[in-house]
Protein backbone atom coordinates (compact mmCIF):
# COMPACT_ATOMS: atom_id res chain seq x y z
CA MET A 1 -3.33 -30.42 20.44
CA SER A 2 -2.19 -28.79 17.35
CA ARG A 3 1.45 -29.31 16.33
CA VAL A 4 1.36 -26.46 13.93
CA LEU A 5 4.24 -23.99 14.60
CA LEU A 6 3.74 -20.25 14.59
CA LEU A 7 4.23 -18.65 11.17
CA THR A 8 4.20 -21.95 9.33
CA PHE A 9 3.74 -20.21 6.00
CA TRP A 10 4.30 -16.73 4.60
CA LEU A 11 1.71 -14.95 2.62
CA LEU A 12 2.45 -11.16 2.52
CA GLY A 13 -0.88 -9.27 1.97
CA SER A 14 -1.27 -5.98 0.28
CA CYS A 15 -4.24 -3.90 -0.87
CA ALA A 16 -4.38 -3.58 -4.79
CA GLN A 17 -5.39 -0.32 -6.24
CA ALA A 18 -5.65 0.80 -9.75
CA GLY A 19 -2.40 2.53 -9.49
CA GLY A 20 -0.47 0.88 -6.75
CA PHE A 21 -0.21 -1.34 -3.72
CA ASP A 22 -0.76 -0.34 -0.15
CA ASN A 23 1.71 -2.21 2.25
CA SER A 24 1.41 0.24 5.07
CA GLY A 25 -0.14 -2.24 7.39
CA ARG A 26 2.39 -5.12 6.84
CA PRO A 27 2.91 -6.61 10.13
CA PHE A 28 6.19 -6.57 12.14
CA ASP A 29 6.20 -10.40 12.61
CA ILE A 30 9.90 -10.51 12.25
CA ILE A 31 10.02 -9.57 15.88
CA PHE A 32 8.49 -12.96 16.93
CA GLY A 33 11.04 -15.71 17.46
CA ASP A 34 13.66 -16.99 19.82
CA ASP A 35 16.74 -16.97 17.54
CA ASN A 36 18.62 -14.87 15.07
CA ALA A 37 17.04 -14.59 11.71
CA LEU A 38 17.34 -13.02 8.30
CA GLN A 39 14.27 -12.58 6.04
CA LEU A 40 14.07 -11.43 2.49
CA ASN A 41 10.88 -10.99 0.35
CA PHE A 42 10.42 -10.12 -3.13
CA LYS A 43 7.20 -9.52 -5.06
CA TYR A 44 6.53 -9.12 -8.81
CA ILE A 45 3.21 -7.21 -9.45
CA LEU A 46 1.51 -7.43 -12.76
CA PRO A 47 -1.50 -5.09 -13.00
CA LEU A 48 -4.07 -5.54 -15.79
CA ILE A 49 -6.05 -2.39 -15.66
CA ASP A 50 -8.44 -0.98 -18.18
CA LEU A 51 -10.40 2.27 -18.12
CA LYS A 52 -11.94 4.91 -20.40
CA VAL A 53 -11.95 8.58 -19.84
CA SER A 54 -14.69 10.96 -20.98
CA ARG A 55 -14.89 14.76 -21.02
CA ASP A 56 -17.73 16.56 -19.20
CA LEU A 57 -17.65 20.22 -19.69
CA GLY A 58 -19.22 22.27 -22.62
CA GLN A 59 -18.55 20.56 -25.90
CA GLY A 60 -16.64 17.79 -24.16
CA PRO A 61 -19.37 15.13 -24.09
CA ILE A 62 -19.46 15.09 -27.86
CA MET A 63 -15.73 14.03 -28.04
CA SER A 64 -14.71 10.48 -28.31
CA ASP A 65 -13.73 8.60 -25.13
CA VAL A 66 -10.05 7.92 -24.62
CA ILE A 67 -9.23 4.17 -23.79
CA VAL A 68 -6.38 3.54 -21.39
CA ASP A 69 -5.05 -0.02 -20.96
CA GLU A 70 -1.85 0.58 -19.17
CA ILE A 71 -2.36 3.26 -16.57
CA VAL A 72 0.21 1.47 -14.40
CA SER A 73 3.21 -0.64 -15.37
CA ASP A 74 4.48 -3.83 -13.83
CA PHE A 75 6.81 -3.32 -10.76
CA VAL A 76 8.86 -5.10 -8.23
CA ASP A 77 8.47 -4.69 -4.45
CA GLY A 78 10.64 -5.94 -1.54
CA MET A 79 11.14 -6.20 2.04
CA PHE A 80 14.10 -6.98 4.26
CA GLY A 81 14.13 -8.04 7.99
CA PHE A 82 16.73 -9.10 10.59
CA ARG A 83 16.16 -10.27 14.05
CA TRP A 84 18.69 -10.85 16.82
CA GLN A 85 18.39 -12.43 20.27
CA VAL A 86 19.66 -10.03 22.92
CA TRP A 87 19.04 -12.36 25.81
CA ASP A 88 16.44 -15.04 26.76
CA ASP A 89 13.51 -12.69 27.17
CA LEU A 90 14.59 -9.77 24.87
CA ASN A 91 15.04 -9.65 21.18
CA CYS A 92 15.20 -6.85 18.59
CA ALA A 93 14.48 -6.60 14.84
CA VAL A 94 14.87 -4.25 11.96
CA GLN A 95 12.69 -4.11 8.89
CA TRP A 96 13.02 -2.12 5.58
CA GLU A 97 10.09 -1.86 3.31
CA ARG A 98 8.27 0.45 0.89
CA PRO A 99 4.91 0.98 2.90
CA PHE A 100 2.90 2.62 0.09
CA ARG A 101 3.27 3.49 -3.57
CA PHE A 102 1.17 4.48 -6.45
CA GLN A 103 2.06 5.48 -9.98
CA THR A 104 -0.41 6.17 -12.76
CA ALA A 105 0.18 7.52 -16.24
CA TYR A 106 -2.54 8.84 -18.52
CA PRO A 107 -1.62 9.44 -22.17
CA ASP A 108 -0.15 12.95 -22.82
CA ASP A 109 -1.78 15.13 -25.57
CA GLN A 110 -5.01 13.12 -25.71
CA LEU A 111 -7.26 14.30 -22.86
CA SER A 112 -6.90 18.14 -22.47
CA TYR A 113 -9.64 19.93 -24.37
CA GLN A 114 -11.46 23.39 -24.73
CA SER A 115 -14.99 23.24 -23.28
CA ASP A 116 -15.82 26.03 -25.84
CA SER A 117 -13.95 25.56 -29.05
CA LEU A 118 -14.31 29.41 -29.81
CA ASP A 119 -12.76 30.40 -26.44
CA PRO A 120 -9.04 29.59 -25.93
CA GLN A 121 -9.44 30.52 -22.22
CA SER A 122 -11.83 27.54 -21.75
CA GLN A 123 -8.99 25.14 -21.78
CA VAL A 124 -9.39 22.26 -19.30
CA PRO A 125 -6.09 20.70 -18.01
CA ALA A 126 -5.79 17.06 -17.92
CA PRO A 127 -4.01 14.74 -15.43
CA ILE A 128 -0.90 12.81 -16.84
CA ASP A 129 1.38 11.11 -14.55
CA SER A 130 1.30 10.84 -10.73
CA GLU A 131 3.80 9.06 -8.47
CA TYR A 132 3.95 8.69 -4.67
CA ASP A 133 6.73 6.51 -3.24
CA SER A 134 7.79 5.72 0.34
CA GLN A 135 10.39 3.85 2.25
CA SER A 136 10.69 3.12 6.03
CA ILE A 137 13.10 1.43 8.37
CA SER A 138 11.58 0.12 11.60
CA LEU A 139 13.48 -0.94 14.67
CA GLY A 140 11.66 -2.61 17.53
CA CYS A 141 12.54 -4.70 20.60
CA ARG A 142 10.30 -7.12 22.25
CA LEU A 143 10.41 -7.87 26.02
CA ALA A 144 8.65 -11.10 26.96
CA ILE A 145 7.07 -11.95 30.25
CA ASN A 146 6.58 -15.75 30.65
CA PHE A 147 3.77 -17.38 32.68
CA ARG A 148 3.41 -20.94 33.91
CA HIS A 149 -0.02 -22.52 34.17
CA GLU A 150 -1.41 -25.55 35.88
CA THR A 151 -3.95 -26.62 33.33
CA GLY A 152 -4.45 -29.67 31.10
CA VAL A 153 -4.78 -27.50 27.99
CA PHE A 154 -1.47 -25.67 27.97
CA SER A 155 1.50 -25.28 30.47
CA ALA A 156 3.02 -21.90 29.42
CA SER A 157 2.13 -18.51 27.77
CA ARG A 158 3.94 -15.33 27.11
CA LEU A 159 3.06 -11.62 27.05
CA SER A 160 5.26 -9.39 24.91
CA LEU A 161 5.75 -5.67 25.03
CA ILE A 162 7.10 -4.17 21.74
CA ALA A 163 8.30 -0.61 20.94
CA GLY A 164 10.69 1.11 18.67
CA PRO A 165 11.29 4.00 16.21
CA LYS A 166 10.67 4.25 12.45
CA TYR A 167 12.53 6.33 9.91
CA GLN A 168 10.34 7.27 6.92
CA PHE A 169 11.16 8.73 3.60
CA ILE A 170 8.58 9.90 1.04
CA GLN A 171 8.80 11.55 -2.45
CA GLY A 172 6.61 12.12 -5.47
CA ARG A 173 5.83 13.91 -8.69
CA PHE A 174 2.88 14.76 -10.74
CA SER A 175 2.05 16.61 -13.97
CA ALA A 176 -0.85 17.93 -16.13
CA ASP A 177 -1.43 18.64 -19.82
CA LEU A 178 -2.45 22.28 -20.10
CA SER A 179 -3.52 22.61 -23.69
CA ARG A 180 -5.13 20.59 -26.47
CA TYR A 181 -2.16 21.05 -28.74
CA LYS A 182 0.18 18.03 -29.29
CA LEU A 183 3.27 19.61 -27.92
CA GLY A 184 4.57 16.74 -25.78
CA GLU A 185 6.05 18.07 -22.51
CA GLN A 186 6.31 21.60 -23.84
CA ASP A 187 2.76 22.39 -22.71
CA ASN A 188 2.85 20.42 -19.43
CA TYR A 189 2.71 21.56 -15.85
CA ARG A 190 5.03 19.42 -13.72
CA ALA A 191 5.84 19.35 -9.95
CA ARG A 192 8.65 17.44 -8.39
CA LEU A 193 8.30 16.69 -4.55
CA ASP A 194 11.76 16.01 -3.17
CA GLY A 195 12.11 13.55 -0.40
CA SER A 196 11.07 14.29 3.13
CA LYS A 197 12.61 12.26 5.98
CA GLU A 198 10.91 12.09 9.43
CA TRP A 199 11.01 9.85 12.51
CA ALA A 200 7.98 7.86 13.68
CA TYR A 201 7.27 5.12 16.12
CA LEU A 202 5.48 1.71 16.57
CA LEU A 203 3.99 0.13 19.65
CA GLY A 204 2.84 -3.42 20.07
CA LEU A 205 1.41 -5.83 22.43
CA ALA A 206 1.21 -9.58 22.02
CA TYR A 207 -0.06 -12.61 23.93
CA GLU A 208 1.16 -16.21 22.82
CA ILE A 209 0.47 -19.73 23.75
CA PRO A 210 3.10 -21.63 21.88
CA GLU A 211 1.62 -25.13 22.49
CA LEU A 212 -1.62 -24.03 20.73
CA ALA A 213 0.10 -21.98 18.00
CA PHE A 214 -1.92 -19.10 19.39
CA ARG A 215 -1.02 -15.42 19.11
CA LEU A 216 -2.97 -12.20 19.39
CA ALA A 217 -0.99 -9.16 18.50
CA VAL A 218 -1.79 -5.43 18.26
CA PHE A 219 0.49 -2.72 16.69
CA PHE A 220 -0.06 1.02 16.48
CA HIS A 221 1.81 3.23 14.04
CA ASN A 222 1.54 7.02 14.66
CA GLU A 223 0.77 9.75 12.21
CA VAL A 224 3.73 11.60 10.91
CA GLU A 225 3.69 15.03 9.26
CA HIS A 226 6.03 15.61 6.26
CA THR A 227 7.09 18.94 4.86
CA LEU A 228 7.76 18.60 1.08
CA THR A 229 9.95 20.97 -1.03
CA GLY A 230 10.82 20.88 -4.72
CA LEU A 231 10.13 22.72 -7.96
CA ALA A 232 7.13 23.36 -10.12
CA TYR A 233 7.58 23.98 -13.87
CA ALA A 234 4.96 25.44 -16.32
CA PRO A 235 5.08 26.81 -19.87
CA VAL A 236 4.63 30.54 -20.57
CA PRO A 237 1.49 31.45 -22.50
CA ASP A 238 2.87 30.94 -26.05
CA PHE A 239 4.60 27.67 -24.99
CA SER A 240 8.02 29.07 -26.21
CA SER A 241 9.73 28.39 -22.82
CA THR A 242 9.28 27.21 -19.28
CA ILE A 243 9.29 28.97 -15.99
CA SER A 244 9.89 27.30 -12.59
CA HIS A 245 9.23 28.18 -8.98
CA PRO A 246 10.26 26.63 -5.68
CA LEU A 247 7.45 24.73 -4.00
CA ARG A 248 6.45 23.69 -0.52
CA GLY A 249 3.73 21.36 0.63
CA LYS A 250 2.63 19.20 3.69
CA THR A 251 1.21 15.79 3.84
CA VAL A 252 1.08 12.98 6.45
CA THR A 253 1.56 9.36 6.66
CA PRO A 254 -1.52 8.19 8.46
CA LYS A 255 -1.73 6.41 11.74
CA ALA A 256 -2.75 2.74 11.63
CA VAL A 257 -3.83 -0.04 13.95
CA ASN A 258 -2.92 -3.55 13.09
CA ILE A 259 -4.62 -6.63 14.82
CA SER A 260 -3.49 -10.19 13.95
CA LEU A 261 -4.86 -13.43 15.44
CA GLN A 262 -3.78 -16.93 14.75
CA SER A 263 -4.51 -20.27 16.32
CA GLY A 264 -4.05 -23.96 15.84
CA ILE A 265 -7.58 -25.35 15.21
CA ALA A 266 -6.73 -29.03 14.64
CA GLU A 267 -3.90 -31.40 14.30
CA ASP A 268 -1.51 -29.60 11.99
CA TRP A 269 -3.94 -26.86 10.99
CA LEU A 270 -3.69 -23.11 11.64
CA ALA A 271 -6.23 -20.41 11.07
CA PHE A 272 -5.51 -16.63 10.99
CA LEU A 273 -7.28 -13.26 10.83
CA ASN A 274 -5.57 -9.85 10.13
CA LEU A 275 -7.29 -6.57 10.52
CA ARG A 276 -5.89 -3.08 9.82
CA TRP A 277 -7.48 0.27 10.31
CA GLY A 278 -5.80 3.18 8.37
CA ASP A 279 -6.59 6.84 8.82
CA TRP A 280 -6.29 7.59 4.99
CA SER A 281 -8.90 10.38 5.17
CA SER A 282 -6.13 12.54 6.91
CA VAL A 283 -4.21 12.30 3.64
CA ASP A 284 -7.11 14.00 1.61
CA GLU A 285 -5.00 16.48 -0.36
CA ILE A 286 -1.56 18.08 -0.86
CA ILE A 287 -1.61 21.77 -1.39
CA VAL A 288 1.42 22.78 -3.40
CA GLU A 289 2.46 26.39 -2.69
CA ALA A 290 4.42 27.64 -5.56
CA GLY A 291 3.49 31.19 -6.15
CA PRO A 292 1.73 31.56 -9.47
CA LEU A 293 2.31 27.76 -10.11
CA SER A 294 0.44 26.53 -6.93
CA GLN A 295 -1.70 23.53 -7.34
CA GLN A 296 -3.89 21.30 -5.23
CA LEU A 297 -3.67 17.50 -5.58
CA THR A 298 -6.62 15.38 -4.38
CA LEU A 299 -5.74 12.14 -2.69
CA PHE A 300 -7.94 9.88 -0.40
CA ALA A 301 -11.49 10.57 0.87
CA ASN A 302 -12.07 7.86 3.49
CA ASP A 303 -10.47 5.60 6.03
CA SER A 304 -10.12 1.86 5.31
CA LEU A 305 -10.47 -1.42 7.28
CA ASN A 306 -8.47 -4.13 5.53
CA TYR A 307 -9.06 -7.76 6.57
CA GLU A 308 -7.44 -11.11 5.70
CA ILE A 309 -8.54 -14.53 6.68
CA GLY A 310 -6.65 -17.69 6.00
CA LEU A 311 -5.87 -21.33 6.72
CA GLY A 312 -2.55 -23.10 6.85
CA VAL A 313 -1.63 -26.81 6.98
CA ARG A 314 1.58 -28.70 7.72
CA MET A 315 1.82 -31.27 4.88
CA SER A 316 5.07 -32.78 6.26
CA ASP A 317 8.04 -31.83 8.63
CA ARG A 318 9.37 -29.75 5.70
CA LEU A 319 6.39 -28.50 3.86
CA ASN A 320 3.62 -26.16 4.85
CA MET A 321 0.78 -24.84 2.53
CA GLY A 322 -1.74 -22.09 3.02
CA ALA A 323 -4.49 -20.00 1.41
CA GLN A 324 -5.71 -16.46 2.14
CA PHE A 325 -8.70 -14.25 1.15
CA ALA A 326 -8.33 -10.48 1.45
CA SER A 327 -10.49 -7.32 1.00
CA LEU A 328 -11.36 -4.05 2.65
CA ILE A 329 -14.20 -1.96 3.95
CA GLU A 330 -14.21 1.66 3.13
CA LEU A 331 -15.15 3.72 6.18
CA ASN A 332 -16.73 7.35 6.52
CA GLU A 333 -17.26 7.46 2.71
CA PRO A 334 -18.04 10.95 1.46
CA ASP A 335 -21.53 11.76 0.20
CA LEU A 336 -21.37 11.14 -3.50
CA PRO A 337 -24.07 11.11 -6.30
CA ASP A 338 -25.38 7.65 -7.09
CA GLY A 339 -23.16 5.62 -9.28
CA LEU A 340 -19.96 7.56 -8.44
CA ALA A 341 -17.20 5.74 -6.54
CA GLY A 342 -14.97 8.73 -6.05
CA THR A 343 -13.46 11.96 -7.29
CA ASN A 344 -9.69 11.11 -7.34
CA LEU A 345 -8.70 10.49 -11.00
CA ARG A 346 -4.97 10.18 -10.27
CA ASN A 347 -5.40 7.03 -8.27
CA PRO A 348 -8.99 5.57 -8.78
CA GLN A 349 -9.83 2.88 -6.30
CA GLY A 350 -12.77 0.57 -6.77
CA GLU A 351 -13.78 -2.39 -4.57
CA ARG A 352 -11.09 -5.14 -4.66
CA TYR A 353 -10.62 -8.73 -3.50
CA SER A 354 -7.73 -11.11 -3.59
CA LEU A 355 -7.13 -14.80 -3.17
CA ALA A 356 -3.67 -16.13 -2.51
CA PHE A 357 -2.24 -19.57 -2.34
CA GLY A 358 1.35 -20.50 -1.20
CA GLY A 359 3.64 -22.45 0.99
CA ASN A 360 7.15 -22.86 2.30
CA TYR A 361 9.72 -25.59 2.22
CA ALA A 362 12.40 -26.15 4.88
CA PHE A 363 15.64 -27.34 3.23
CA ASN A 364 17.14 -27.87 6.56
CA SER A 365 16.67 -26.37 10.13
CA ALA A 366 18.23 -23.05 9.00
CA ILE A 367 16.86 -22.27 5.48
CA LYS A 368 13.26 -22.03 4.40
CA LEU A 369 11.86 -20.93 1.11
CA GLY A 370 8.27 -19.58 0.72
CA LEU A 371 6.49 -19.12 -2.63
CA SER A 372 3.01 -17.66 -3.24
CA ALA A 373 0.71 -16.41 -5.91
CA SER A 374 -2.11 -13.90 -5.51
CA TYR A 375 -4.98 -12.94 -7.90
CA TYR A 376 -6.65 -9.61 -7.30
CA TYR A 377 -10.16 -8.72 -8.65
CA LEU A 378 -10.88 -4.97 -8.91
CA GLN A 379 -14.53 -4.06 -9.54
CA HIS A 380 -15.89 -1.56 -11.91
CA GLY A 381 -16.02 2.03 -10.56
CA ARG A 382 -16.76 5.50 -11.91
CA PHE A 383 -14.71 8.50 -10.82
CA SER A 384 -15.32 12.17 -11.65
CA ASP A 385 -13.91 15.53 -10.87
CA ASN A 386 -16.55 17.43 -12.91
CA ALA A 387 -14.15 17.97 -15.79
CA TYR A 388 -13.43 14.29 -16.62
CA THR A 389 -15.11 11.05 -15.79
CA VAL A 390 -13.04 7.80 -15.53
CA ASP A 391 -14.81 4.51 -15.93
CA LEU A 392 -12.65 1.86 -14.34
CA GLU A 393 -13.44 -1.39 -16.07
CA THR A 394 -13.41 -4.71 -14.14
CA SER A 395 -9.72 -5.25 -13.87
CA HIS A 396 -7.24 -7.78 -12.40
CA ALA A 397 -3.76 -8.05 -10.97
CA LEU A 398 -1.37 -10.99 -10.49
CA VAL A 399 1.41 -11.07 -7.75
CA LEU A 400 4.11 -13.67 -7.43
CA SER A 401 6.01 -13.66 -4.12
CA ALA A 402 9.15 -15.32 -2.84
CA THR A 403 10.43 -15.26 0.76
CA LEU A 404 13.70 -16.64 2.00
CA ASN A 405 14.18 -17.24 5.86
CA TYR A 406 17.58 -17.95 7.36
CA VAL A 407 17.81 -18.92 10.92
CA PHE A 408 21.12 -18.97 12.71
């Protein structure tokens, strides 16, 4: 009989991308527990991304490639959770997080070109910076139904019904260089997408056998449509001034299904598997309607199935250690030419894998500190929109994470 407790260690998974991290499938595990608890998590993400950009139209191929070694900067991510016991078979929890973000920045005044040097009208705009940021607050309650069993393996189990609302906030911006002249922002197109706030919901079902440290949980997050507003800016033809126009656009946060399974497999050992399907192909583009300044922003082409497998061991009454491997499978991929991984230059995403090690230490019955380190490997990939080709070199990312749990 395993003596490993549920959630003996904490390794927060996320899916690394060239320009950001996808946390949209993070579990709502704060809901599980029979006492009041406070949980804080912080992550420091250090991306080490290298790529080169070539030009594809007209006289573009004879121009030198542009090397980009910092398409995304270091950033800090966080999560906050709080659980309270309402009565014996009912508890509730709230969780704040940033489900999804990406931010990329190509160098200004280095990529835009004329495909025909004799024709000023043959100017090819170049992507510069892109940013998409989100926040959400989830509130859920869990009603537990307890069962007694006359068996030699375990004596009790529990079925949990979980439901609650989410409040989402998203915002973003993007820009493009419109000329080959070195004019800084003076010749740039810019769009600012102000925040959109919408309600969503989550539904969950879980079955637990505490004596075996067994839990099977399924969560569903619904799709939510967001209407974006903001301003678009562009220079006049001689770049002497800038005009602006109000913009409107629509996008969605995709529906997702999370499945998590964990079980004690031997004395003091715990194995786990997490799966998440995300309907990212529904976020294929954002059409920005801004009169003469209207633009179309390409986003994601296919759905994804993320998976995480791991193992934990209790070293002592105070110390638990664990390791985790994670990657994803891209589903319903579009029909692309051989050797091409995608068409999205603003957030190129190649194959990626991660390996994490961590553990937690219980200072006393109330306070537990978890630390982990993750290494991400991002495979080479080629991306093209027929005007530019981005060759994402084999790249890496490091993530340091700390989690504090306080039970009262």
